[in-house]
Amino acid sequence: MASATPMLDDIQIVDTDAHISEPYDLWSSRAPAAWRDRLPRIQEIEGQKHWVVDRDVVLGPAGAASVVAKDGHKSKGTEFFGWKLEDVHRASYDMKARVEMLDGFGIHAQVIYPNLAGFGNQRFVSLDDDELRRLCATVYNDAMAEIQADTGNRILPMALMPWWNIDHCVAEVERAAGMGLRGIVMCSDPDSIGLPDLGDDAWSPFWEICSDLDMPVNFHIGASETSWNMFGRAAWPSMGMSRKLALGSANLFMENARVLGNMIYSGVLERYPKVKVVSVESGIGWIPFMLETLDYEWMETGAQSELTLTMPPSEYFRRQIFGCFWFENTAPTKLIDVIGEDNVLFETDFPHPTCLYPDVKKYLAEVTADWSDERRRKILQDNAASLYKVDLGV
């Protein structure tokens, strides 16, 4: 039987953003003995499973953060808020089952991000014990290295950073690279807890190690308390939960425009031209306007008097930054020439509320119908394969 998507059949698609619903024993099964009762674990509180860290810090109910039910149907409302691991599709938390799902979708490899820790590992920062905070990140990374190896490098987790300590960040980038992990996920706003912001010289050792080890720095949406507005200021209080979820999601995508603008205007990309940055789960339709704005405002406000950039701000994006798309139609069909086909990646966001599921190839066939074979291969395969060192087996 002939394939319904022949233009995709010889492309090894790389999905650059998905999430793991953390298994209940992810930390406890790997915890050093002295820390087993303090690292994240499951406890029953009033008959309900909760995530608990340290001796008594309750992180919340042990949900799955997955909208794909056990039987494969996708929730289109808020019913998933109460789902546990036992209620959702096995591929949400079992990465061997995830690989089987990828095979069904025609996806070769997938980059994954956390849930429990927060998208920038911001949920552990309030812990008083710095060593405990650090172990929350490093034990997670140990588990992710195991997953990557066990799936034959088909699942590629990004390493969490202990971003509240610059020296520990540097050490963890090096350790993650040594374990074979292909990139890191970074909190976008360490200044939110009184540290220097990422443009400050204090972070130079971090940017240097990321540059030297060729470790992409991924800024996932909602990667700090500053940028997380899912149910905060995005929607007016009079709205119900479904509208708050919808509007919170839509506005969350836009937060990364601020993050990328700061990366460019701070001069980080000027100083470290080999550093690669990914704006994760933020779409690409806003990028042309933002780049045009950054160029215009840089000149109109006299910003160049504070810092010398050797290129227009938009050129740093084209040299060093990537954006990811999944559900959009306008940008993939009309704006690729403006954004730059070298700067675009594909994602599914599985198994989150906005995820592209289950008709991945149907969507790709529609939005890439007018692309050249070269563009299709570059955006769906080659850009990500080069960035994350994906073995395509060719």
Protein backbone atom coordinates (compact mmCIF):
# COMPACT_ATOMS: atom_id res chain seq x y z
CA MET A 1 0.00 0.00 0.00
CA ALA A 2 1.40 3.40 -0.99
CA SER A 3 2.26 5.83 1.80
CA ALA A 4 -0.11 8.76 2.33
CA THR A 5 2.90 10.98 3.06
CA PRO A 6 5.58 9.95 0.53
CA MET A 7 7.49 13.23 0.86
CA LEU A 8 8.22 12.34 4.50
CA ASP A 9 9.08 8.67 4.10
CA ASP A 10 12.83 9.10 3.70
CA ILE A 11 13.18 11.77 6.42
CA GLN A 12 14.25 10.79 9.93
CA ILE A 13 12.16 13.31 11.82
CA VAL A 14 13.61 14.75 15.02
CA ASP A 15 11.06 16.02 17.55
CA THR A 16 12.78 18.77 19.55
CA ASP A 17 10.34 19.19 22.43
CA ALA A 18 8.40 16.63 24.43
CA HIS A 19 8.10 15.87 28.14
CA ILE A 20 8.46 12.99 30.54
CA SER A 21 5.81 12.33 33.16
CA GLU A 22 8.30 11.45 35.85
CA PRO A 23 7.93 7.90 37.23
CA TYR A 24 7.20 7.90 40.95
CA ASP A 25 10.55 6.28 41.75
CA LEU A 26 12.72 8.41 39.46
CA TRP A 27 14.62 9.98 42.38
CA SER A 28 14.02 7.47 45.18
CA SER A 29 15.35 4.49 43.22
CA ARG A 30 18.62 6.31 42.52
CA ALA A 31 19.02 8.31 45.72
CA PRO A 32 22.15 7.90 47.82
CA ALA A 33 21.09 6.16 51.03
CA ALA A 34 21.58 9.25 53.18
CA TRP A 35 19.25 11.27 50.94
CA ARG A 36 16.52 8.73 50.17
CA ASP A 37 14.08 10.34 52.61
CA ARG A 38 14.75 13.85 51.35
CA LEU A 39 14.89 13.68 47.55
CA PRO A 40 11.56 13.90 45.64
CA ARG A 41 9.35 10.92 46.42
CA ILE A 42 5.70 9.91 46.64
CA GLN A 43 3.77 10.07 49.89
CA GLU A 44 0.10 9.60 50.57
CA ILE A 45 -1.53 12.64 52.17
CA GLU A 46 -5.18 12.30 53.11
CA GLY A 47 -5.46 9.30 50.84
CA GLN A 48 -3.94 11.01 47.78
CA LYS A 49 -0.48 10.59 46.27
CA HIS A 50 1.68 13.70 46.49
CA TRP A 51 5.21 14.61 45.50
CA VAL A 52 7.22 15.52 48.60
CA VAL A 53 10.79 16.77 48.85
CA ASP A 54 13.06 17.31 51.85
CA ARG A 55 11.35 16.15 55.03
CA ASP A 56 7.99 17.80 54.56
CA VAL A 57 7.89 20.12 51.53
CA VAL A 58 4.82 19.18 49.50
CA LEU A 59 5.26 19.95 45.80
CA GLY A 60 1.69 19.00 44.96
CA PRO A 61 -0.49 16.08 43.87
CA ALA A 62 1.27 13.38 41.88
CA GLY A 63 -0.29 14.22 38.53
CA ALA A 64 0.95 13.04 35.15
CA ALA A 65 0.91 16.33 33.18
CA SER A 66 -0.39 14.29 30.25
CA VAL A 67 -3.55 14.81 28.20
CA VAL A 68 -3.28 11.44 26.47
CA ALA A 69 -5.34 8.88 28.32
CA LYS A 70 -4.50 5.25 28.88
CA ASP A 71 -6.70 4.25 25.94
CA GLY A 72 -5.01 6.78 23.64
CA HIS A 73 -7.69 9.46 23.46
CA LYS A 74 -6.66 13.08 23.94
CA SER A 75 -8.37 15.21 26.56
CA LYS A 76 -9.58 18.54 25.18
CA GLY A 77 -10.64 19.99 28.53
CA THR A 78 -9.34 20.11 32.07
CA GLU A 79 -10.22 16.55 33.08
CA PHE A 80 -6.53 15.61 32.89
CA PHE A 81 -5.79 17.80 35.92
CA GLY A 82 -6.70 14.89 38.16
CA TRP A 83 -5.04 12.11 36.15
CA LYS A 84 -2.28 10.01 37.73
CA LEU A 85 0.33 7.91 35.94
CA GLU A 86 -2.02 4.96 36.02
CA ASP A 87 -4.62 6.99 34.05
CA VAL A 88 -2.43 8.09 31.13
CA HIS A 89 -0.82 6.55 28.08
CA ARG A 90 2.20 4.46 29.03
CA ALA A 91 4.37 6.44 26.63
CA SER A 92 3.94 9.46 28.91
CA TYR A 93 6.26 7.94 31.54
CA ASP A 94 7.77 4.77 30.06
CA MET A 95 10.40 5.76 27.52
CA LYS A 96 10.57 2.34 25.91
CA ALA A 97 6.86 2.69 25.21
CA ARG A 98 7.64 6.22 23.99
CA VAL A 99 10.02 4.81 21.39
CA GLU A 100 7.30 2.44 20.19
CA MET A 101 4.97 5.43 19.84
CA LEU A 102 7.63 7.35 17.91
CA ASP A 103 7.96 4.45 15.52
CA GLY A 104 4.24 4.65 14.86
CA PHE A 105 4.48 8.37 14.17
CA GLY A 106 7.55 8.04 11.95
CA ILE A 107 9.76 9.99 14.35
CA HIS A 108 13.40 8.96 14.66
CA ALA A 109 14.46 10.81 17.83
CA GLN A 110 12.91 13.04 20.46
CA VAL A 111 14.29 15.69 22.83
CA ILE A 112 12.57 15.64 26.23
CA TYR A 113 12.14 18.06 29.12
CA PRO A 114 10.96 17.72 32.74
CA ASN A 115 7.62 18.38 34.40
CA LEU A 116 8.00 18.15 38.17
CA ALA A 117 11.12 20.29 38.44
CA GLY A 118 9.57 23.10 36.43
CA PHE A 119 10.60 23.79 32.85
CA GLY A 120 13.72 25.60 34.03
CA ASN A 121 14.26 23.59 37.24
CA GLN A 122 12.83 26.47 39.25
CA ARG A 123 10.69 24.44 41.67
CA PHE A 124 13.60 23.23 43.81
CA VAL A 125 15.19 26.63 44.36
CA SER A 126 13.22 27.32 47.55
CA LEU A 127 14.84 24.40 49.39
CA ASP A 128 17.14 25.57 52.18
CA ASP A 129 19.79 22.87 51.76
CA ASP A 130 22.02 23.67 48.77
CA GLU A 131 23.30 20.10 48.52
CA LEU A 132 19.73 18.77 48.43
CA ARG A 133 18.84 21.25 45.71
CA ARG A 134 21.86 20.17 43.72
CA LEU A 135 21.02 16.47 44.12
CA CYS A 136 17.48 17.10 42.87
CA ALA A 137 19.07 18.14 39.57
CA THR A 138 21.97 15.69 39.40
CA VAL A 139 19.97 12.57 40.25
CA TYR A 140 17.41 13.57 37.62
CA ASN A 141 20.26 13.92 35.12
CA ASP A 142 21.59 10.49 36.07
CA ALA A 143 18.17 9.05 35.30
CA MET A 144 18.04 10.89 31.98
CA ALA A 145 21.45 9.54 30.95
CA GLU A 146 20.13 6.04 31.66
CA ILE A 147 17.05 6.71 29.53
CA GLN A 148 19.14 7.98 26.64
CA ALA A 149 21.36 4.89 26.76
CA ASP A 150 18.46 2.46 27.22
CA THR A 151 16.64 3.86 24.18
CA GLY A 152 19.68 3.70 21.94
CA ASN A 153 19.95 7.51 21.82
CA ARG A 154 16.42 7.81 20.44
CA ILE A 155 15.25 9.78 23.51
CA LEU A 156 17.51 12.76 24.21
CA PRO A 157 16.85 14.42 27.59
CA MET A 158 18.20 17.88 28.29
CA ALA A 159 20.10 18.21 31.56
CA LEU A 160 18.76 20.27 34.45
CA MET A 161 21.01 22.97 35.82
CA PRO A 162 21.55 23.84 39.51
CA TRP A 163 21.24 27.44 38.31
CA TRP A 164 21.22 28.97 41.80
CA ASN A 165 24.97 28.30 42.00
CA ILE A 166 27.13 29.34 39.04
CA ASP A 167 30.05 27.06 39.94
CA HIS A 168 27.71 24.09 40.26
CA CYS A 169 26.20 24.96 36.89
CA VAL A 170 29.60 24.86 35.24
CA ALA A 171 30.40 21.53 36.84
CA GLU A 172 27.04 20.04 35.82
CA VAL A 173 27.39 21.11 32.19
CA GLU A 174 30.71 19.27 32.10
CA ARG A 175 29.29 16.23 33.90
CA ALA A 176 26.22 16.08 31.63
CA ALA A 177 28.39 16.23 28.53
CA GLY A 178 30.57 13.49 29.97
CA MET A 179 27.48 11.28 30.39
CA GLY A 180 26.61 11.83 26.75
CA LEU A 181 23.68 14.20 27.20
CA ARG A 182 23.29 16.55 24.25
CA GLY A 183 22.27 19.86 25.80
CA ILE A 184 20.94 21.63 28.88
CA VAL A 185 17.73 23.33 29.95
CA MET A 186 18.37 26.63 31.72
CA CYS A 187 16.40 28.90 34.01
CA SER A 188 15.93 32.16 32.13
CA ASP A 189 15.95 34.51 35.15
CA PRO A 190 18.44 33.67 37.93
CA ASP A 191 18.20 37.33 38.94
CA SER A 192 14.75 36.47 40.34
CA ILE A 193 16.51 35.14 43.46
CA GLY A 194 19.16 37.84 43.64
CA LEU A 195 21.86 36.30 41.45
CA PRO A 196 23.43 38.26 38.58
CA ASP A 197 21.41 37.98 35.39
CA LEU A 198 22.70 35.78 32.58
CA GLY A 199 24.31 38.73 30.81
CA ASP A 200 26.55 39.56 33.76
CA ASP A 201 30.26 38.70 33.62
CA ALA A 202 29.74 36.40 36.61
CA TRP A 203 28.18 33.90 34.21
CA SER A 204 31.16 33.91 31.83
CA PRO A 205 32.45 30.49 33.03
CA PHE A 206 29.02 29.00 32.28
CA TRP A 207 28.86 30.40 28.75
CA GLU A 208 32.46 29.36 28.15
CA ILE A 209 31.85 25.73 29.11
CA CYS A 210 28.67 25.56 27.02
CA SER A 211 30.63 26.96 24.09
CA ASP A 212 33.67 24.75 24.58
CA LEU A 213 31.62 21.54 24.94
CA ASP A 214 29.13 22.46 22.21
CA MET A 215 26.16 22.06 24.57
CA PRO A 216 23.05 23.87 23.27
CA VAL A 217 21.35 26.07 25.86
CA ASN A 218 17.59 25.49 25.75
CA PHE A 219 15.16 28.03 27.15
CA HIS A 220 11.83 26.31 27.52
CA ILE A 221 8.80 28.54 27.97
CA GLY A 222 7.92 29.11 31.62
CA ALA A 223 11.52 28.48 32.67
CA SER A 224 11.45 30.78 35.70
CA GLU A 225 9.03 32.27 38.18
CA THR A 226 9.32 35.50 36.17
CA SER A 227 8.14 33.94 32.92
CA TRP A 228 5.63 31.43 34.33
CA ASN A 229 2.13 32.93 33.98
CA MET A 230 0.03 29.88 33.18
CA PHE A 231 -2.69 30.68 35.69
CA GLY A 232 -1.34 33.97 36.98
CA ARG A 233 -1.58 37.32 35.28
CA ALA A 234 -2.44 36.10 31.77
CA ALA A 235 -6.22 35.70 32.14
CA TRP A 236 -8.71 37.96 33.89
CA PRO A 237 -10.00 36.53 37.17
CA SER A 238 -13.58 36.25 35.91
CA MET A 239 -12.64 33.52 33.42
CA GLY A 240 -13.15 29.81 34.07
CA MET A 241 -10.38 27.24 34.21
CA SER A 242 -10.64 26.17 30.57
CA ARG A 243 -10.29 29.75 29.32
CA LYS A 244 -7.47 30.39 31.79
CA LEU A 245 -5.68 27.30 30.48
CA ALA A 246 -6.13 28.43 26.88
CA LEU A 247 -5.09 32.05 27.42
CA GLY A 248 -2.31 31.11 29.82
CA SER A 249 -0.88 28.73 27.23
CA ALA A 250 -1.08 31.32 24.45
CA ASN A 251 0.64 34.01 26.50
CA LEU A 252 3.26 31.63 27.85
CA PHE A 253 4.60 31.19 24.31
CA MET A 254 5.24 34.93 24.05
CA GLU A 255 7.47 35.07 27.14
CA ASN A 256 10.41 33.71 25.20
CA ALA A 257 10.49 36.83 23.04
CA ARG A 258 11.66 38.63 26.20
CA VAL A 259 14.24 35.95 26.96
CA LEU A 260 15.74 35.97 23.45
CA GLY A 261 15.73 39.77 23.36
CA ASN A 262 17.77 39.81 26.56
CA MET A 263 20.18 37.20 25.21
CA ILE A 264 20.86 39.39 22.19
CA TYR A 265 20.87 42.83 23.82
CA SER A 266 23.05 41.65 26.74
CA GLY A 267 25.90 40.88 24.35
CA VAL A 268 26.15 37.21 25.41
CA LEU A 269 25.90 36.05 21.80
CA GLU A 270 28.41 38.69 20.70
CA ARG A 271 30.93 37.40 23.25
CA TYR A 272 30.24 33.70 22.66
CA PRO A 273 29.60 33.23 18.95
CA LYS A 274 29.65 29.42 19.18
CA VAL A 275 26.90 29.16 21.79
CA LYS A 276 23.65 27.80 20.34
CA VAL A 277 20.33 28.78 21.92
CA VAL A 278 16.92 27.18 21.42
CA SER A 279 13.58 28.82 22.17
CA VAL A 280 11.55 25.76 23.12
CA GLU A 281 7.76 25.38 22.82
CA SER A 282 7.26 29.00 21.84
CA GLY A 283 6.33 28.72 18.16
CA ILE A 284 7.88 30.78 15.39
CA GLY A 285 5.19 33.12 14.08
CA TRP A 286 6.24 35.99 16.36
CA ILE A 287 9.91 35.83 15.40
CA PRO A 288 9.92 38.10 12.29
CA PHE A 289 8.17 40.91 14.15
CA MET A 290 10.41 40.55 17.19
CA LEU A 291 13.59 40.63 15.10
CA GLU A 292 12.41 43.67 13.20
CA THR A 293 11.53 45.34 16.50
CA LEU A 294 14.91 44.55 18.07
CA ASP A 295 16.75 46.08 15.10
CA TYR A 296 14.55 49.18 15.06
CA GLU A 297 14.57 49.84 18.80
CA TRP A 298 18.33 49.26 19.04
CA MET A 299 18.93 52.28 16.84
CA GLU A 300 15.95 54.45 17.82
CA THR A 301 16.62 54.41 21.56
CA GLY A 302 20.38 54.89 21.40
CA ALA A 303 20.99 51.48 22.94
CA GLN A 304 24.17 51.14 20.91
CA SER A 305 25.71 53.85 23.11
CA GLU A 306 25.67 51.39 26.04
CA LEU A 307 27.03 48.35 24.24
CA THR A 308 28.78 47.79 20.94
CA LEU A 309 27.32 45.02 18.82
CA THR A 310 29.19 44.21 15.63
CA MET A 311 26.01 43.07 13.86
CA PRO A 312 22.36 44.11 13.84
CA PRO A 313 20.49 42.30 16.64
CA SER A 314 18.57 40.13 14.17
CA GLU A 315 21.81 38.68 12.81
CA TYR A 316 22.62 37.08 16.15
CA PHE A 317 19.36 35.19 15.91
CA ARG A 318 20.25 33.95 12.44
CA ARG A 319 23.72 32.90 13.57
CA GLN A 320 22.92 31.26 16.90
CA ILE A 321 19.22 30.84 17.77
CA PHE A 322 16.55 28.29 16.84
CA GLY A 323 12.78 28.34 17.20
CA CYS A 324 10.43 25.35 17.28
CA PHE A 325 6.98 24.97 15.69
CA TRP A 326 4.25 22.35 16.01
CA PHE A 327 0.61 23.46 15.50
CA GLU A 328 1.07 26.65 13.46
CA ASN A 329 -0.04 26.98 9.85
CA THR A 330 0.77 30.57 8.88
CA ALA A 331 4.43 30.64 9.89
CA PRO A 332 5.49 27.30 8.35
CA THR A 333 3.73 28.09 5.08
CA LYS A 334 4.43 31.82 4.72
CA LEU A 335 7.29 32.99 6.97
CA ILE A 336 10.14 30.48 6.68
CA ASP A 337 12.02 32.67 4.21
CA VAL A 338 11.87 35.57 6.67
CA ILE A 339 12.78 33.52 9.75
CA GLY A 340 15.43 31.46 7.96
CA GLU A 341 15.18 27.74 7.25
CA ASP A 342 18.45 27.18 9.12
CA ASN A 343 16.85 28.44 12.34
CA VAL A 344 13.67 26.35 12.48
CA LEU A 345 13.06 23.05 14.30
CA PHE A 346 10.00 20.81 14.63
CA GLU A 347 8.40 19.60 17.87
CA THR A 348 5.27 17.81 19.12
CA ASP A 349 5.09 18.81 22.84
CA PHE A 350 3.83 15.32 23.69
CA PRO A 351 2.00 14.71 26.05
CA HIS A 352 1.06 18.25 27.07
CA PRO A 353 -2.27 20.04 26.44
CA THR A 354 -1.17 21.65 23.16
CA CYS A 355 0.60 18.56 21.85
CA LEU A 356 0.47 17.53 18.23
CA TYR A 357 -1.23 14.17 18.69
CA PRO A 358 -2.00 11.80 17.07
CA ASP A 359 -1.89 13.04 13.45
CA VAL A 360 1.75 14.12 13.31
CA LYS A 361 2.51 13.14 9.72
CA LYS A 362 -0.85 14.41 8.44
CA TYR A 363 -0.06 17.85 9.86
CA LEU A 364 3.48 17.83 8.50
CA ALA A 365 2.32 16.77 5.05
CA GLU A 366 -0.10 19.71 4.96
CA VAL A 367 2.20 22.47 6.21
CA THR A 368 5.24 21.32 4.22
CA ALA A 369 3.39 20.59 0.98
CA ASP A 370 4.96 23.56 -0.80
CA TRP A 371 8.42 23.16 0.69
CA SER A 372 11.31 21.94 -1.39
CA ASP A 373 12.74 18.55 -0.51
CA GLU A 374 15.85 20.31 0.76
CA ARG A 375 13.86 22.57 3.11
CA ARG A 376 11.76 19.69 4.39
CA ARG A 377 14.83 17.61 5.18
CA LYS A 378 16.65 20.53 6.78
CA ILE A 379 13.86 21.62 9.13
CA LEU A 380 12.49 18.21 10.07
CA GLN A 381 15.80 16.38 10.29
CA ASP A 382 19.14 18.02 9.60
CA ASN A 383 18.98 21.17 11.74
CA ALA A 384 18.12 19.20 14.87
CA ALA A 385 20.44 16.30 14.04
CA SER A 386 23.38 18.69 13.80
CA LEU A 387 22.41 20.68 16.91
CA TYR A 388 21.79 17.68 19.19
CA LYS A 389 24.30 15.29 17.56
CA VAL A 390 21.64 12.79 16.50
CA ASP A 391 22.95 9.65 14.84
CA LEU A 392 20.83 9.21 11.72
CA GLY A 393 22.49 5.92 10.87
CA VAL A 394 23.39 7.01 7.36
